[in-house]
Protein backbone atom coordinates (compact mmCIF):
# COMPACT_ATOMS: atom_id res chain seq x y z
CA MET A 1 116.84 75.53 135.07
CA MET A 2 114.17 73.15 133.85
CA ARG A 3 115.30 70.61 136.46
CA PHE A 4 113.61 72.79 139.11
CA PHE A 5 110.25 71.65 137.76
CA GLY A 6 111.06 68.16 138.94
CA THR A 7 112.29 68.99 142.43
CA ARG A 8 110.21 68.66 145.54
CA LEU A 9 111.65 71.91 146.87
CA TRP A 10 110.41 73.88 143.87
CA LEU A 11 106.99 72.25 144.03
CA ARG A 12 106.71 72.80 147.77
CA TRP A 13 107.64 76.47 147.45
CA THR A 14 105.18 77.01 144.60
CA PHE A 15 102.22 75.30 146.20
CA ILE A 16 102.78 76.67 149.69
CA THR A 17 103.08 80.17 148.25
CA LEU A 18 99.81 79.68 146.38
CA ALA A 19 98.22 78.48 149.62
CA GLY A 20 99.48 81.64 151.28
CA PHE A 21 97.81 83.73 148.58
CA LEU A 22 94.59 81.80 148.99
CA VAL A 23 94.44 82.53 152.71
CA GLY A 24 95.87 85.99 152.05
CA GLY A 25 92.92 86.84 149.84
CA VAL A 26 90.66 86.51 152.87
CA LEU A 27 93.07 88.20 155.28
CA GLY A 28 93.71 90.94 152.74
CA MET A 29 89.99 91.66 152.46
CA LEU A 30 89.71 91.80 156.25
CA GLY A 31 92.81 93.97 156.43
CA GLY A 32 91.36 96.31 153.83
CA PHE A 33 88.23 96.86 155.91
CA LEU A 34 90.20 97.34 159.13
CA GLY A 35 92.74 99.55 157.40
CA VAL A 36 90.21 102.34 156.92
CA PRO A 37 89.56 103.01 160.65
CA LEU A 38 92.98 101.90 161.92
CA ILE A 39 95.19 103.56 159.29
CA GLY A 40 93.02 105.79 157.13
CA TYR A 41 91.34 107.73 159.94
CA PRO A 42 94.62 108.62 161.72
CA LEU A 43 96.14 109.67 158.39
CA ALA A 44 93.17 111.94 157.74
CA LEU A 45 93.83 113.67 161.05
CA VAL A 46 97.49 114.46 160.47
CA ILE A 47 97.90 114.88 156.69
CA PRO A 48 96.98 118.30 155.26
CA GLY A 49 94.29 118.13 152.61
CA CYS A 50 92.74 114.97 154.04
CA GLN A 51 89.69 116.72 155.40
CA GLY A 52 86.26 116.58 153.81
CA GLN A 53 86.33 115.04 150.35
CA GLY A 54 90.10 114.80 150.56
CA ALA A 55 89.76 112.17 153.27
CA ILE A 56 88.77 109.62 150.63
CA GLY A 57 92.39 109.45 149.50
CA CYS A 58 93.60 108.69 153.03
CA PHE A 59 90.90 106.06 153.46
CA LEU A 60 92.04 104.45 150.20
CA ILE A 61 95.64 104.41 151.43
CA GLY A 62 94.55 102.87 154.72
CA ALA A 63 92.53 100.15 152.98
CA THR A 64 95.40 99.40 150.58
CA LEU A 65 98.03 99.14 153.31
CA GLY A 66 95.73 97.01 155.45
CA ALA A 67 95.09 94.65 152.55
CA GLY A 68 98.79 94.45 151.72
CA LEU A 69 99.61 93.72 155.35
CA GLY A 70 97.12 90.85 155.52
CA LEU A 71 98.37 89.37 152.26
CA GLY A 72 102.04 89.77 153.21
CA VAL A 73 101.65 88.13 156.60
CA SER A 74 99.84 85.18 155.02
CA VAL A 75 102.32 84.63 152.18
CA GLY A 76 105.33 85.22 154.42
CA THR A 77 104.04 82.77 157.03
CA ALA A 78 103.46 80.12 154.36
CA GLN A 79 106.95 80.53 152.88
CA ARG A 80 108.48 80.46 156.33
CA PHE A 81 107.50 76.79 156.68
CA ILE A 82 110.11 76.01 154.02
CA LEU A 83 112.68 78.57 155.12
CA ARG A 84 112.72 77.57 158.80
CA SER A 85 115.03 74.61 158.10
CA ILE A 86 117.29 76.68 155.85
CA VAL A 87 117.47 80.19 157.28
CA PRO A 88 118.11 81.10 160.94
CA ARG A 89 115.61 83.48 162.54
CA SER A 90 113.19 82.84 159.70
CA TRP A 91 110.40 84.59 161.62
CA TRP A 92 111.82 87.84 160.24
CA TRP A 93 110.72 86.67 156.80
CA ILE A 94 107.11 87.30 157.81
CA LEU A 95 107.87 90.92 158.71
CA ALA A 96 109.90 91.44 155.52
CA SER A 97 107.06 90.01 153.42
CA ALA A 98 104.43 92.10 155.20
CA LEU A 99 106.39 95.32 154.58
CA GLY A 100 107.14 94.34 151.00
CA TRP A 101 103.57 93.50 150.06
CA CYS A 102 102.33 96.71 151.68
CA GLY A 103 104.57 98.63 149.30
CA ILE A 104 103.57 96.52 146.31
CA ALA A 105 99.84 96.81 147.05
CA TYR A 106 100.17 100.56 147.53
CA THR A 107 102.14 101.27 144.34
CA LEU A 108 99.96 99.00 142.21
CA THR A 109 96.80 100.66 143.53
CA MET A 110 98.19 104.15 143.03
CA MET A 111 99.15 103.13 139.51
CA LEU A 112 95.59 101.97 138.87
CA TYR A 113 94.15 105.32 139.94
CA SER A 114 96.83 107.61 138.49
CA ALA A 115 98.35 105.99 135.39
CA VAL A 116 95.67 103.73 133.92
CA PRO A 117 93.62 105.69 131.34
CA ALA A 118 89.98 106.15 132.30
CA PRO A 119 87.10 106.27 129.82
CA GLY A 120 87.05 109.61 128.07
CA SER A 121 90.78 110.27 128.47
CA PRO A 122 92.96 110.69 125.36
CA ASP A 123 94.89 107.45 126.03
CA PHE A 124 91.86 105.27 126.76
CA GLY A 125 91.69 102.31 124.40
CA LYS A 126 95.25 102.68 123.17
CA PRO A 127 97.52 99.58 123.11
CA ILE A 128 99.83 99.10 126.08
CA TRP A 129 102.98 100.11 124.22
CA ALA A 130 101.43 103.49 123.47
CA ILE A 131 100.62 104.09 127.16
CA ILE A 132 103.96 103.05 128.66
CA PRO A 133 105.72 106.42 128.00
CA SER A 134 103.17 108.31 130.07
CA ALA A 135 103.02 105.62 132.77
CA TRP A 136 106.73 104.95 133.17
CA GLY A 137 106.86 106.73 136.55
CA ALA A 138 104.17 104.50 138.04
CA ILE A 139 105.78 101.40 136.49
CA ALA A 140 109.11 102.38 138.05
CA GLN A 141 107.50 102.75 141.47
CA VAL A 142 105.98 99.27 141.31
CA THR A 143 109.29 97.81 140.13
CA LEU A 144 111.09 99.59 142.97
CA SER A 145 108.61 98.22 145.49
CA GLY A 146 109.41 94.71 144.26
CA ALA A 147 113.13 95.43 144.60
CA LEU A 148 112.59 96.71 148.15
CA MET A 149 110.74 93.54 149.13
CA GLY A 150 113.60 91.57 147.62
CA LEU A 151 116.04 93.68 149.64
CA PHE A 152 114.17 93.11 152.90
CA GLN A 153 114.11 89.38 152.25
CA TRP A 154 117.73 89.30 151.06
CA LEU A 155 118.81 90.60 154.46
CA ILE A 156 117.45 87.31 155.83
CA LEU A 157 118.75 85.05 153.04
CA ARG A 158 122.25 86.46 152.69
CA GLY A 159 123.77 84.57 155.62
CA SER A 160 122.48 81.20 154.43
CA LEU A 161 122.40 81.23 150.62
CA GLN A 162 125.23 82.14 148.29
CA LYS A 163 124.41 84.49 145.42
CA SER A 164 121.23 85.48 147.26
CA PHE A 165 121.67 89.04 145.94
CA TRP A 166 119.89 87.82 142.79
CA TRP A 167 116.73 87.64 144.88
CA ILE A 168 116.48 91.45 144.67
CA PRO A 169 116.43 91.92 140.85
CA ALA A 170 114.28 88.79 140.50
CA ASN A 171 111.55 90.34 142.65
CA ALA A 172 111.90 93.63 140.78
CA ILE A 173 111.36 91.89 137.44
CA ILE A 174 108.35 89.96 138.76
CA MET A 175 106.70 93.18 139.90
CA LEU A 176 107.57 94.88 136.61
CA ILE A 177 105.51 92.14 134.96
CA ALA A 178 102.69 92.85 137.44
CA ALA A 179 102.80 96.56 136.60
CA LEU A 180 102.58 95.85 132.89
CA GLY A 181 99.68 93.50 133.61
CA VAL A 182 97.77 96.27 135.37
CA LEU A 183 98.51 98.64 132.51
CA GLY A 184 97.44 96.06 129.94
CA LEU A 185 94.16 95.21 131.67
CA GLY A 186 93.52 98.88 132.23
CA TYR A 187 90.19 100.21 133.43
CA SER A 188 88.64 96.73 133.42
CA ILE A 189 90.32 96.01 136.76
CA GLY A 190 88.00 98.50 138.43
CA GLY A 191 88.76 99.88 141.88
CA LEU A 192 90.43 98.54 145.00
CA PRO A 193 88.50 95.20 145.08
CA GLY A 194 89.48 94.59 141.46
CA MET A 195 93.11 95.28 142.32
CA GLY A 196 92.91 92.70 145.10
CA ALA A 197 91.51 90.17 142.65
CA PHE A 198 94.31 90.98 140.19
CA ILE A 199 97.02 90.42 142.81
CA VAL A 200 95.56 87.05 143.78
CA SER A 201 95.19 86.04 140.11
CA PHE A 202 98.82 87.08 139.56
CA SER A 203 99.92 84.73 142.34
CA PRO A 204 100.80 81.76 140.07
CA ILE A 205 103.31 83.91 138.18
CA TYR A 206 104.86 85.10 141.44
CA ALA A 207 104.86 81.61 142.99
CA ILE A 208 106.43 79.91 139.96
CA SER A 209 109.00 82.64 139.30
CA SER A 210 110.10 83.00 142.92
CA GLY A 211 110.20 79.20 143.21
CA ILE A 212 112.58 78.96 140.26
CA ILE A 213 115.00 81.55 141.64
CA PHE A 214 114.80 80.09 145.17
CA GLY A 215 115.50 76.61 143.82
CA TRP A 216 118.47 77.95 141.89
CA LEU A 217 119.85 79.72 144.96
CA ARG A 218 119.44 76.57 147.03
CA GLN A 219 121.30 74.49 144.48
CA GLN A 220 124.24 76.91 144.54
CA ASN A 221 124.93 75.97 148.14
CA ARG A 222 124.89 72.18 148.22
CA THR A 223 123.84 69.05 146.39
CA PRO A 224 120.09 68.48 146.85
CA THR A 225 119.11 65.87 149.38
CA SER A 226 116.61 63.08 148.79
CA ASP A 227 113.90 65.42 150.09
CA GLU A 228 114.56 67.86 147.25
CA VAL A 229 114.94 65.65 144.17
């Protein structure tokens, strides 16, 4: 596996994914602002309990989904530049990434507001291993969102890469690490802007890990060309 660190394919995937996150940070912020009127307001009109003070929850959901959509489109578009010569109809990767990152952004944000101990709560200040039992539900939701993104993307990879099923558990494990990171940092993350900053700061872990598994999948199919070694 260490040979991936010397391949151009692995390096290209890692750096282009990081570039996608860099642009996605800006698009995610814009999407978060637009998500309130375009998603949050309609939700407040149709969901019971979203009137008055309850509308804040719908506005938060709208901002989170808008931010996730902006980030997902950016990262998916960046990765598509590598996939277009490997996977037919690679444009679908952008949609799969957008849907996947919407789910990840939503579950991570909900975890921040529902499972991370706030000051004054009995669990505040406890080490992460003492909080996990009470937060396992939120951790499972984040892990599942990673698996779902892997599933969406696997539907695109499966016709071109052997053993591409491993893309699903790999994404689940990466997002499990992200969930534990949120739980470990705890209240210091802050609100929605802090969550956005966390996701962008987590991008090297995602880029490197996904690059390793993608490089492995690519090597299962053929001997690397001179462009990849």
